[in-house]
């Protein structure tokens, strides 16, 4: 967002206008060191990773710290020492990026994750994940409360552990086609074996998962026991 240059005494000799993003003005900063700018909240003797690197005349990258002139803003800073033709230290070239919004998002992430888990758990009986070959790799939540044994399903595809007598009918062919095409699916219903030897009915929905390069990595979704609903429908 802005750049600055320091002399051999680590005093600012140039600051670009972008510093206004955190409330600074170049004319009020020129001729000062970081400690002088940050005295109010760091203290005169404060030493952080950036100041340590500057004192050692060493380059530094991606140091995260509070802004000297506005402690409520967070910065990512980079610095490169300047030497003359004889190798004598002349100062630093530095660059600054305001990452305040990113820091706030990271602080709020745990709350967002818990909120998602609460929604997911209230809307389903279990959460599941599968790999690129559609084999289940994870099942969590109160699935055992529905009489199911999640351990018996890990490593298997949905059609390998179903209690449906026919997995080659149109319903299953359509479901497999969705998976092969990496399409999301919703409310796919199937029968499974319960721990007591009985039959339970379930409804599952899933979304495809891709990595940063767009490579398909599997599915992630939710499942709900609908046995009582199916019994009521039959009645």
C-alpha atoms as a PDB file:
ATOM      1  CA  UNK A   1       0.000   0.000   0.000  1.00  0.00           C
ATOM      2  CA  UNK A   2       2.956   2.354   0.533  1.00  0.00           C
ATOM      3  CA  UNK A   3       6.745   2.552   0.550  1.00  0.00           C
ATOM      4  CA  UNK A   4       9.373   4.237   2.675  1.00  0.00           C
ATOM      5  CA  UNK A   5      13.127   4.814   2.756  1.00  0.00           C
ATOM      6  CA  UNK A   6      15.329   5.129   5.849  1.00  0.00           C
ATOM      7  CA  UNK A   7      18.862   6.464   6.235  1.00  0.00           C
ATOM      8  CA  UNK A   8      21.778   4.821   8.050  1.00  0.00           C
ATOM      9  CA  UNK A   9      20.361   6.035  11.388  1.00  0.00           C
ATOM     10  CA  UNK A  10      17.039   4.340  10.518  1.00  0.00           C
ATOM     11  CA  UNK A  11      15.261   7.678  10.216  1.00  0.00           C
ATOM     12  CA  UNK A  12      12.601   8.061   7.563  1.00  0.00           C
ATOM     13  CA  UNK A  13      13.728  10.052   4.549  1.00  0.00           C
ATOM     14  CA  UNK A  14      10.792   9.241   2.272  1.00  0.00           C
ATOM     15  CA  UNK A  15       7.224   7.996   2.816  1.00  0.00           C
ATOM     16  CA  UNK A  16       4.724   7.574  -0.029  1.00  0.00           C
ATOM     17  CA  UNK A  17       1.240   9.031   0.200  1.00  0.00           C
ATOM     18  CA  UNK A  18      -0.362   5.585   0.671  1.00  0.00           C
ATOM     19  CA  UNK A  19       0.432   5.809   4.386  1.00  0.00           C
ATOM     20  CA  UNK A  20      -2.749   7.871   4.657  1.00  0.00           C
ATOM     21  CA  UNK A  21      -4.579   4.528   4.638  1.00  0.00           C
ATOM     22  CA  UNK A  22      -3.644   4.099   8.314  1.00  0.00           C
ATOM     23  CA  UNK A  23      -3.979   7.777   9.158  1.00  0.00           C
ATOM     24  CA  UNK A  24      -0.390   8.893   8.608  1.00  0.00           C
ATOM     25  CA  UNK A  25       1.037  11.858   6.724  1.00  0.00           C
ATOM     26  CA  UNK A  26       4.567  11.819   5.263  1.00  0.00           C
ATOM     27  CA  UNK A  27       5.507  15.274   6.588  1.00  0.00           C
ATOM     28  CA  UNK A  28       4.750  14.216  10.182  1.00  0.00           C
ATOM     29  CA  UNK A  29       6.870  11.057   9.846  1.00  0.00           C
ATOM     30  CA  UNK A  30      10.012  12.221   8.074  1.00  0.00           C
ATOM     31  CA  UNK A  31      13.132  12.314  10.219  1.00  0.00           C
ATOM     32  CA  UNK A  32      11.716   9.912  12.828  1.00  0.00           C
ATOM     33  CA  UNK A  33      12.633   6.340  13.761  1.00  0.00           C
ATOM     34  CA  UNK A  34      10.112   3.582  14.325  1.00  0.00           C
ATOM     35  CA  UNK A  35      10.584   3.794  18.081  1.00  0.00           C
ATOM     36  CA  UNK A  36       9.804   7.506  17.999  1.00  0.00           C
ATOM     37  CA  UNK A  37       6.654   6.918  15.979  1.00  0.00           C
ATOM     38  CA  UNK A  38       5.494   4.019  18.141  1.00  0.00           C
ATOM     39  CA  UNK A  39       6.498   5.391  21.560  1.00  0.00           C
ATOM     40  CA  UNK A  40       2.948   5.607  22.898  1.00  0.00           C
ATOM     41  CA  UNK A  41       2.066   1.919  22.550  1.00  0.00           C
ATOM     42  CA  UNK A  42       5.444   0.160  22.221  1.00  0.00           C
ATOM     43  CA  UNK A  43       7.543   2.096  24.687  1.00  0.00           C
ATOM     44  CA  UNK A  44      10.935   3.688  23.927  1.00  0.00           C
ATOM     45  CA  UNK A  45      12.912   0.478  24.388  1.00  0.00           C
ATOM     46  CA  UNK A  46      10.620  -1.891  22.525  1.00  0.00           C
ATOM     47  CA  UNK A  47      12.366  -4.215  20.090  1.00  0.00           C
ATOM     48  CA  UNK A  48      10.403  -6.370  17.656  1.00  0.00           C
ATOM     49  CA  UNK A  49      11.438  -8.599  14.741  1.00  0.00           C
ATOM     50  CA  UNK A  50      11.552  -5.710  12.262  1.00  0.00           C
ATOM     51  CA  UNK A  51      13.670  -3.424  14.439  1.00  0.00           C
ATOM     52  CA  UNK A  52      15.970  -6.339  15.247  1.00  0.00           C
ATOM     53  CA  UNK A  53      16.512  -7.017  11.534  1.00  0.00           C
ATOM     54  CA  UNK A  54      17.084  -3.318  10.853  1.00  0.00           C
ATOM     55  CA  UNK A  55      19.688  -3.039  13.599  1.00  0.00           C
ATOM     56  CA  UNK A  56      21.451  -6.064  12.120  1.00  0.00           C
ATOM     57  CA  UNK A  57      21.191  -4.583   8.587  1.00  0.00           C
ATOM     58  CA  UNK A  58      19.422  -7.729   7.414  1.00  0.00           C
ATOM     59  CA  UNK A  59      16.518  -8.093   4.960  1.00  0.00           C
ATOM     60  CA  UNK A  60      13.137  -9.206   6.289  1.00  0.00           C
ATOM     61  CA  UNK A  61       9.866 -10.354   4.737  1.00  0.00           C
ATOM     62  CA  UNK A  62       6.222 -10.723   5.742  1.00  0.00           C
ATOM     63  CA  UNK A  63       6.572  -9.507   9.320  1.00  0.00           C
ATOM     64  CA  UNK A  64       3.136  -8.880  10.826  1.00  0.00           C
ATOM     65  CA  UNK A  65       2.815  -6.110  13.399  1.00  0.00           C
ATOM     66  CA  UNK A  66       0.643  -3.231  14.569  1.00  0.00           C
ATOM     67  CA  UNK A  67       0.941   0.099  12.799  1.00  0.00           C
ATOM     68  CA  UNK A  68       3.222   2.576  14.566  1.00  0.00           C
ATOM     69  CA  UNK A  69       0.857   5.497  14.030  1.00  0.00           C
ATOM     70  CA  UNK A  70      -2.437   3.618  14.459  1.00  0.00           C
ATOM     71  CA  UNK A  71      -2.281   0.556  16.751  1.00  0.00           C
ATOM     72  CA  UNK A  72      -5.758  -0.493  15.613  1.00  0.00           C
ATOM     73  CA  UNK A  73      -4.385  -1.267  12.136  1.00  0.00           C
ATOM     74  CA  UNK A  74      -2.247  -4.318  11.329  1.00  0.00           C
ATOM     75  CA  UNK A  75       0.533  -4.348   8.746  1.00  0.00           C
ATOM     76  CA  UNK A  76       2.582  -6.844   6.781  1.00  0.00           C
ATOM     77  CA  UNK A  77       6.031  -5.325   6.249  1.00  0.00           C
ATOM     78  CA  UNK A  78       9.081  -6.073   4.089  1.00  0.00           C
ATOM     79  CA  UNK A  79      12.506  -4.436   4.155  1.00  0.00           C
ATOM     80  CA  UNK A  80      15.735  -4.531   2.156  1.00  0.00           C
ATOM     81  CA  UNK A  81      18.983  -2.958   3.402  1.00  0.00           C
ATOM     82  CA  UNK A  82      20.813  -0.468   1.173  1.00  0.00           C
ATOM     83  CA  UNK A  83      24.618  -0.578   0.768  1.00  0.00           C
ATOM     84  CA  UNK A  84      26.912   1.617  -1.283  1.00  0.00           C
ATOM     85  CA  UNK A  85      29.583   0.392  -3.711  1.00  0.00           C
ATOM     86  CA  UNK A  86      32.014  -0.148  -0.821  1.00  0.00           C
ATOM     87  CA  UNK A  87      29.529  -2.202   1.177  1.00  0.00           C
ATOM     88  CA  UNK A  88      28.740   0.524   3.695  1.00  0.00           C
ATOM     89  CA  UNK A  89      25.223   0.482   5.133  1.00  0.00           C
ATOM     90  CA  UNK A  90      23.084   3.355   3.844  1.00  0.00           C
ATOM     91  CA  UNK A  91      19.610   2.562   5.169  1.00  0.00           C
ATOM     92  CA  UNK A  92      16.501   0.591   4.169  1.00  0.00           C
ATOM     93  CA  UNK A  93      13.879   0.397   1.465  1.00  0.00           C
ATOM     94  CA  UNK A  94      10.599  -0.796   3.036  1.00  0.00           C
ATOM     95  CA  UNK A  95       7.120  -1.752   1.851  1.00  0.00           C
ATOM     96  CA  UNK A  96       3.875  -1.943   3.847  1.00  0.00           C
ATOM     97  CA  UNK A  97       0.501  -3.618   3.320  1.00  0.00           C
ATOM     98  CA  UNK A  98      -2.539  -3.025   5.524  1.00  0.00           C
ATOM     99  CA  UNK A  99      -3.912  -6.470   6.516  1.00  0.00           C
ATOM    100  CA  UNK A 100      -6.324  -5.321   9.230  1.00  0.00           C
ATOM    101  CA  UNK A 101      -9.387  -6.859   7.576  1.00  0.00           C
ATOM    102  CA  UNK A 102      -7.577 -10.173   7.143  1.00  0.00           C
ATOM    103  CA  UNK A 103      -6.601 -10.213  10.826  1.00  0.00           C
ATOM    104  CA  UNK A 104     -10.187  -9.493  11.850  1.00  0.00           C
ATOM    105  CA  UNK A 105     -11.447 -12.272   9.610  1.00  0.00           C
ATOM    106  CA  UNK A 106      -9.003 -14.714  11.210  1.00  0.00           C
ATOM    107  CA  UNK A 107     -10.152 -13.664  14.678  1.00  0.00           C
ATOM    108  CA  UNK A 108     -13.775 -14.287  13.704  1.00  0.00           C
ATOM    109  CA  UNK A 109     -13.053 -17.606  11.988  1.00  0.00           C
ATOM    110  CA  UNK A 110     -13.549 -19.830  15.090  1.00  0.00           C
ATOM    111  CA  UNK A 111     -16.982 -18.274  15.681  1.00  0.00           C
ATOM    112  CA  UNK A 112     -17.894 -18.765  12.019  1.00  0.00           C
ATOM    113  CA  UNK A 113     -16.787 -22.400  12.112  1.00  0.00           C
ATOM    114  CA  UNK A 114     -18.796 -23.080  15.277  1.00  0.00           C
ATOM    115  CA  UNK A 115     -21.822 -21.391  13.746  1.00  0.00           C
ATOM    116  CA  UNK A 116     -21.521 -23.619  10.678  1.00  0.00           C
ATOM    117  CA  UNK A 117     -21.233 -26.739  12.853  1.00  0.00           C
ATOM    118  CA  UNK A 118     -24.320 -25.699  14.823  1.00  0.00           C
ATOM    119  CA  UNK A 119     -26.321 -25.218  11.630  1.00  0.00           C
ATOM    120  CA  UNK A 120     -25.105 -28.503  10.152  1.00  0.00           C
ATOM    121  CA  UNK A 121     -25.810 -30.484  13.311  1.00  0.00           C
ATOM    122  CA  UNK A 122     -29.285 -29.026  13.659  1.00  0.00           C
ATOM    123  CA  UNK A 123     -30.108 -29.818  10.027  1.00  0.00           C
ATOM    124  CA  UNK A 124     -28.776 -33.380   9.895  1.00  0.00           C
ATOM    125  CA  UNK A 125     -27.894 -36.475  11.892  1.00  0.00           C
ATOM    126  CA  UNK A 126     -24.321 -36.796  10.652  1.00  0.00           C
ATOM    127  CA  UNK A 127     -21.642 -35.216   8.460  1.00  0.00           C
ATOM    128  CA  UNK A 128     -19.595 -37.208   5.989  1.00  0.00           C
ATOM    129  CA  UNK A 129     -16.692 -36.926   3.550  1.00  0.00           C
ATOM    130  CA  UNK A 130     -15.578 -39.120   0.660  1.00  0.00           C
ATOM    131  CA  UNK A 131     -12.481 -39.308  -1.535  1.00  0.00           C
ATOM    132  CA  UNK A 132     -11.976 -39.092  -5.298  1.00  0.00           C
ATOM    133  CA  UNK A 133     -13.254 -42.672  -5.715  1.00  0.00           C
ATOM    134  CA  UNK A 134     -16.418 -41.852  -3.710  1.00  0.00           C
ATOM    135  CA  UNK A 135     -15.298 -44.002  -0.756  1.00  0.00           C
ATOM    136  CA  UNK A 136     -16.321 -42.698   2.650  1.00  0.00           C
ATOM    137  CA  UNK A 137     -13.382 -41.325   4.597  1.00  0.00           C
ATOM    138  CA  UNK A 138     -15.156 -39.690   7.526  1.00  0.00           C
ATOM    139  CA  UNK A 139     -18.484 -39.706   9.380  1.00  0.00           C
ATOM    140  CA  UNK A 140     -19.121 -37.527  12.413  1.00  0.00           C
ATOM    141  CA  UNK A 141     -22.050 -36.453  14.534  1.00  0.00           C
ATOM    142  CA  UNK A 142     -24.736 -38.454  16.369  1.00  0.00           C
ATOM    143  CA  UNK A 143     -24.903 -41.105  13.636  1.00  0.00           C
ATOM    144  CA  UNK A 144     -24.819 -43.996  16.134  1.00  0.00           C
ATOM    145  CA  UNK A 145     -27.996 -42.632  17.718  1.00  0.00           C
ATOM    146  CA  UNK A 146     -29.746 -43.782  14.541  1.00  0.00           C
ATOM    147  CA  UNK A 147     -28.558 -47.357  14.975  1.00  0.00           C
ATOM    148  CA  UNK A 148     -25.832 -47.130  12.355  1.00  0.00           C
ATOM    149  CA  UNK A 149     -22.215 -48.280  12.629  1.00  0.00           C
ATOM    150  CA  UNK A 150     -20.042 -45.640  10.922  1.00  0.00           C
ATOM    151  CA  UNK A 151     -16.935 -47.824  11.159  1.00  0.00           C
ATOM    152  CA  UNK A 152     -18.513 -50.419   8.894  1.00  0.00           C
ATOM    153  CA  UNK A 153     -18.872 -47.852   6.123  1.00  0.00           C
ATOM    154  CA  UNK A 154     -15.440 -46.186   6.072  1.00  0.00           C
ATOM    155  CA  UNK A 155     -13.546 -47.101   2.910  1.00  0.00           C
ATOM    156  CA  UNK A 156     -16.679 -48.153   1.014  1.00  0.00           C
ATOM    157  CA  UNK A 157     -18.790 -46.463  -1.633  1.00  0.00           C
ATOM    158  CA  UNK A 158     -22.448 -45.798  -0.993  1.00  0.00           C
ATOM    159  CA  UNK A 159     -23.519 -48.657  -3.273  1.00  0.00           C
ATOM    160  CA  UNK A 160     -21.187 -51.085  -1.492  1.00  0.00           C
ATOM    161  CA  UNK A 161     -22.808 -50.710   1.920  1.00  0.00           C
ATOM    162  CA  UNK A 162     -26.413 -49.991   1.012  1.00  0.00           C
ATOM    163  CA  UNK A 163     -29.197 -52.428   1.907  1.00  0.00           C
ATOM    164  CA  UNK A 164     -31.030 -51.551  -1.301  1.00  0.00           C
ATOM    165  CA  UNK A 165     -31.678 -54.802  -3.183  1.00  0.00           C
ATOM    166  CA  UNK A 166     -30.970 -53.184  -6.574  1.00  0.00           C
ATOM    167  CA  UNK A 167     -28.153 -50.686  -7.175  1.00  0.00           C
ATOM    168  CA  UNK A 168     -28.500 -50.829 -10.957  1.00  0.00           C
ATOM    169  CA  UNK A 169     -31.876 -49.161 -11.215  1.00  0.00           C
ATOM    170  CA  UNK A 170     -32.443 -45.688 -12.631  1.00  0.00           C
ATOM    171  CA  UNK A 171     -32.178 -43.982  -9.241  1.00  0.00           C
ATOM    172  CA  UNK A 172     -28.697 -45.384  -8.622  1.00  0.00           C
ATOM    173  CA  UNK A 173     -27.569 -44.833 -12.201  1.00  0.00           C
ATOM    174  CA  UNK A 174     -28.546 -41.176 -11.948  1.00  0.00           C
ATOM    175  CA  UNK A 175     -26.750 -40.849  -8.608  1.00  0.00           C
ATOM    176  CA  UNK A 176     -23.548 -42.406  -9.930  1.00  0.00           C
ATOM    177  CA  UNK A 177     -23.731 -40.153 -12.999  1.00  0.00           C
ATOM    178  CA  UNK A 178     -23.913 -37.102 -10.707  1.00  0.00           C
ATOM    179  CA  UNK A 179     -20.849 -38.293  -8.813  1.00  0.00           C
ATOM    180  CA  UNK A 180     -18.811 -39.009 -11.931  1.00  0.00           C
ATOM    181  CA  UNK A 181     -19.729 -35.563 -13.280  1.00  0.00           C
ATOM    182  CA  UNK A 182     -18.820 -34.024  -9.900  1.00  0.00           C
ATOM    183  CA  UNK A 183     -22.250 -32.444  -9.547  1.00  0.00           C
ATOM    184  CA  UNK A 184     -23.862 -31.590  -6.209  1.00  0.00           C
ATOM    185  CA  UNK A 185     -26.766 -33.793  -5.176  1.00  0.00           C
ATOM    186  CA  UNK A 186     -29.589 -33.446  -2.677  1.00  0.00           C
ATOM    187  CA  UNK A 187     -31.869 -35.795  -0.731  1.00  0.00           C
ATOM    188  CA  UNK A 188     -30.613 -39.037  -2.212  1.00  0.00           C
ATOM    189  CA  UNK A 189     -32.522 -41.749  -0.337  1.00  0.00           C
ATOM    190  CA  UNK A 190     -31.240 -45.239   0.378  1.00  0.00           C
ATOM    191  CA  UNK A 191     -31.598 -48.137   2.818  1.00  0.00           C
ATOM    192  CA  UNK A 192     -28.811 -49.301   5.141  1.00  0.00           C
ATOM    193  CA  UNK A 193     -28.326 -52.074   7.673  1.00  0.00           C
ATOM    194  CA  UNK A 194     -28.708 -51.129  11.340  1.00  0.00           C
ATOM    195  CA  UNK A 195     -26.637 -52.527  14.207  1.00  0.00           C
ATOM    196  CA  UNK A 196     -29.568 -54.648  15.379  1.00  0.00           C
ATOM    197  CA  UNK A 197     -29.884 -56.274  11.951  1.00  0.00           C
ATOM    198  CA  UNK A 198     -32.849 -54.173  10.931  1.00  0.00           C
ATOM    199  CA  UNK A 199     -33.196 -51.734   8.071  1.00  0.00           C
ATOM    200  CA  UNK A 200     -32.925 -47.971   8.353  1.00  0.00           C
ATOM    201  CA  UNK A 201     -33.692 -45.338   5.730  1.00  0.00           C
ATOM    202  CA  UNK A 202     -31.441 -42.348   5.153  1.00  0.00           C
ATOM    203  CA  UNK A 203     -31.353 -39.201   3.058  1.00  0.00           C
ATOM    204  CA  UNK A 204     -28.022 -37.662   2.105  1.00  0.00           C
ATOM    205  CA  UNK A 205     -26.866 -34.532   0.300  1.00  0.00           C
ATOM    206  CA  UNK A 206     -23.394 -33.641  -0.898  1.00  0.00           C
ATOM    207  CA  UNK A 207     -21.210 -31.037  -2.554  1.00  0.00           C
ATOM    208  CA  UNK A 208     -18.068 -31.726  -4.622  1.00  0.00           C
ATOM    209  CA  UNK A 209     -14.751 -30.539  -3.187  1.00  0.00           C
ATOM    210  CA  UNK A 210     -11.943 -29.124  -5.334  1.00  0.00           C
ATOM    211  CA  UNK A 211      -8.440 -27.975  -4.410  1.00  0.00           C
ATOM    212  CA  UNK A 212      -6.942 -24.589  -5.298  1.00  0.00           C
ATOM    213  CA  UNK A 213      -5.917 -25.905  -8.730  1.00  0.00           C
ATOM    214  CA  UNK A 214      -9.480 -27.044  -9.457  1.00  0.00           C
ATOM    215  CA  UNK A 215      -8.667 -30.741  -9.047  1.00  0.00           C
ATOM    216  CA  UNK A 216     -11.565 -32.842  -7.751  1.00  0.00           C
ATOM    217  CA  UNK A 217     -10.842 -34.200  -4.247  1.00  0.00           C
ATOM    218  CA  UNK A 218     -14.101 -35.881  -3.287  1.00  0.00           C
ATOM    219  CA  UNK A 219     -17.380 -34.965  -1.646  1.00  0.00           C
ATOM    220  CA  UNK A 220     -18.552 -33.466   1.624  1.00  0.00           C
ATOM    221  CA  UNK A 221     -22.112 -33.606   2.879  1.00  0.00           C
ATOM    222  CA  UNK A 222     -24.772 -34.379   5.468  1.00  0.00           C
ATOM    223  CA  UNK A 223     -27.088 -37.270   6.192  1.00  0.00           C
ATOM    224  CA  UNK A 224     -30.429 -37.611   7.980  1.00  0.00           C
ATOM    225  CA  UNK A 225     -32.294 -40.647   9.260  1.00  0.00           C
ATOM    226  CA  UNK A 226     -35.766 -40.693   7.656  1.00  0.00           C
ATOM    227  CA  UNK A 227     -36.864 -44.136   8.864  1.00  0.00           C
ATOM    228  CA  UNK A 228     -39.850 -42.829  10.829  1.00  0.00           C
ATOM    229  CA  UNK A 229     -40.929 -40.772   7.817  1.00  0.00           C
ATOM    230  CA  UNK A 230     -40.769 -43.824   5.526  1.00  0.00           C
ATOM    231  CA  UNK A 231     -42.749 -45.897   8.052  1.00  0.00           C
ATOM    232  CA  UNK A 232     -45.367 -43.164   8.254  1.00  0.00           C
ATOM    233  CA  UNK A 233     -45.562 -42.956   4.438  1.00  0.00           C
ATOM    234  CA  UNK A 234     -46.027 -46.738   4.199  1.00  0.00           C
ATOM    235  CA  UNK A 235     -48.756 -46.623   6.842  1.00  0.00           C
END
